[in-house]
Protein backbone atom coordinates (compact mmCIF):
# COMPACT_ATOMS: atom_id res chain seq x y z
CA MET A 1 9.27 28.51 27.43
CA SER A 2 9.52 29.03 31.04
CA GLY A 3 12.48 27.15 33.12
CA MET A 4 13.85 26.65 29.21
CA LEU A 5 17.66 27.92 28.92
CA MET A 6 17.72 29.26 25.01
CA LYS A 7 21.21 28.62 23.30
CA ASP A 8 19.91 29.04 19.87
CA PHE A 9 20.86 32.77 19.15
CA ASP A 10 22.64 35.55 16.83
CA LEU A 11 22.45 38.37 18.96
CA ALA A 12 21.51 38.95 22.65
CA ILE A 13 21.41 42.09 24.37
CA SER A 14 22.44 42.58 27.91
CA GLY A 15 24.10 44.76 30.67
CA TYR A 16 26.35 45.02 33.53
CA ILE A 17 27.63 47.37 36.38
CA MET A 18 29.69 45.29 38.34
CA GLY A 19 31.83 48.14 39.84
CA TYR A 20 35.75 48.85 39.15
CA ASP A 21 37.68 45.93 39.64
CA PRO A 22 38.43 44.09 36.35
CA ASP A 23 37.82 40.56 38.23
CA ALA A 24 34.51 40.88 38.88
CA TYR A 25 33.96 40.47 35.28
CA ARG A 26 36.06 37.14 35.17
CA ILE A 27 32.51 35.55 35.56
CA LEU A 28 30.89 36.79 32.08
CA TYR A 29 34.29 35.84 30.06
CA SER A 30 36.03 32.96 31.61
CA THR A 31 35.46 29.69 30.03
CA GLY A 32 32.96 27.74 31.35
CA SER A 33 31.50 29.87 33.85
CA SER A 34 28.03 30.19 35.05
CA SER A 35 27.44 33.78 33.70
CA ASN A 36 29.47 33.14 30.56
CA TYR A 37 25.89 33.55 28.57
CA SER A 38 27.60 33.99 25.27
CA HIS A 39 30.35 30.91 25.32
CA TYR A 40 32.64 32.29 25.09
CA SER A 41 36.41 30.53 25.56
CA ASN A 42 39.32 31.61 24.78
CA LYS A 43 42.43 29.65 27.00
CA GLU A 44 45.11 32.67 26.78
CA VAL A 45 42.11 34.87 28.10
CA ASP A 46 41.11 32.52 30.80
CA LYS A 47 44.85 32.33 31.89
CA LEU A 48 45.37 36.31 32.11
CA LEU A 49 42.40 36.40 34.56
CA GLU A 50 43.46 34.03 36.46
CA GLU A 51 46.79 35.72 37.00
CA GLY A 52 45.19 39.03 37.00
CA ALA A 53 42.95 38.17 39.99
CA GLY A 54 45.92 36.68 41.92
CA GLU A 55 48.79 40.08 41.39
CA SER A 56 49.26 42.14 44.01
CA ASP A 57 51.37 44.58 42.04
CA THR A 58 48.70 47.58 40.65
CA THR A 59 51.17 48.13 37.70
CA LYS A 60 51.69 44.08 36.68
CA ARG A 61 47.67 43.60 37.36
CA GLY A 62 47.29 46.44 35.11
CA GLU A 63 48.99 45.22 32.26
CA ILE A 64 47.74 41.93 32.50
CA TYR A 65 44.05 43.78 32.40
CA LYS A 66 44.76 45.71 29.72
CA LYS A 67 45.94 42.43 27.56
CA VAL A 68 42.08 40.77 28.58
CA GLN A 69 40.56 43.52 27.26
CA GLU A 70 42.80 43.77 23.68
CA LEU A 71 42.10 40.31 23.39
CA LEU A 72 38.12 40.84 24.76
CA ALA A 73 38.32 43.38 21.46
CA GLU A 74 39.85 41.41 19.21
CA ASP A 75 37.50 38.58 19.26
CA ALA A 76 34.31 41.24 19.09
CA VAL A 77 33.00 39.61 22.43
CA ILE A 78 30.91 42.32 23.07
CA TYR A 79 29.68 45.24 20.95
CA PRO A 80 28.81 48.22 23.89
CA PHE A 81 26.80 50.68 22.39
CA ALA A 82 25.59 52.81 25.33
CA TYR A 83 26.42 53.93 28.70
CA THR A 84 24.03 55.81 30.80
CA LYS A 85 25.10 58.86 32.45
CA THR A 86 24.14 59.55 36.24
CA ILE A 87 23.38 62.86 37.99
CA VAL A 88 23.38 62.75 41.21
CA ALA A 89 22.18 65.83 42.96
CA PHE A 90 21.42 66.89 47.22
CA ASP A 91 20.37 69.53 48.90
CA LYS A 92 22.50 72.01 50.17
CA GLN A 93 21.35 71.13 53.86
CA TYR A 94 22.99 67.79 53.48
CA GLY A 95 26.60 67.12 54.21
CA GLY A 96 29.37 64.43 54.32
CA ILE A 97 28.90 63.96 50.53
CA ASP A 98 32.54 63.29 49.94
CA ARG A 99 33.17 61.04 52.67
CA ALA A 100 29.86 58.90 51.37
CA VAL A 101 32.33 58.02 48.24
CA LEU A 102 30.11 57.71 44.76
CA LYS A 103 30.35 54.69 43.46
CA PRO A 104 28.37 53.04 40.32
CA VAL A 105 24.86 51.34 40.74
CA VAL A 106 24.68 51.86 44.57
CA ILE A 107 25.56 55.32 43.92
CA LEU A 108 27.18 55.84 47.27
CA GLU A 109 29.56 53.54 48.92
CA ASP A 110 28.11 54.75 52.46
CA LEU A 111 25.34 56.08 53.28
CA SER A 112 26.06 56.46 56.85
CA LYS A 113 28.11 59.33 56.08
CA ILE A 114 25.68 61.61 55.00
CA HIS A 115 23.46 63.95 57.34
CA HIS A 116 21.14 66.90 57.78
CA LYS A 117 23.36 70.24 58.46
């Protein structure tokens, strides 16, 4: 079935690690988004995702995304069943680890900060 987009399914297993900013996940839950593989549609979620993306006040933004999470949980859009735990270890001969900043997926934000002691 090469090249064919399957749309008739009861369950799909997938995984996403897109960082800490909730706006990155908008493409998964916005109505009609190209990455909304579940075809989820909720006008209130769409509205809140737009508001959250444009809100500069961190407290208000947090409240908006909390409501989004509550709606997604109520609608049971996803069922998270696993989260991988990454263990990062460095030999003592390397420094600058604290300035390299640990991040999801890429592990370190800035490898140029690592140096041989």
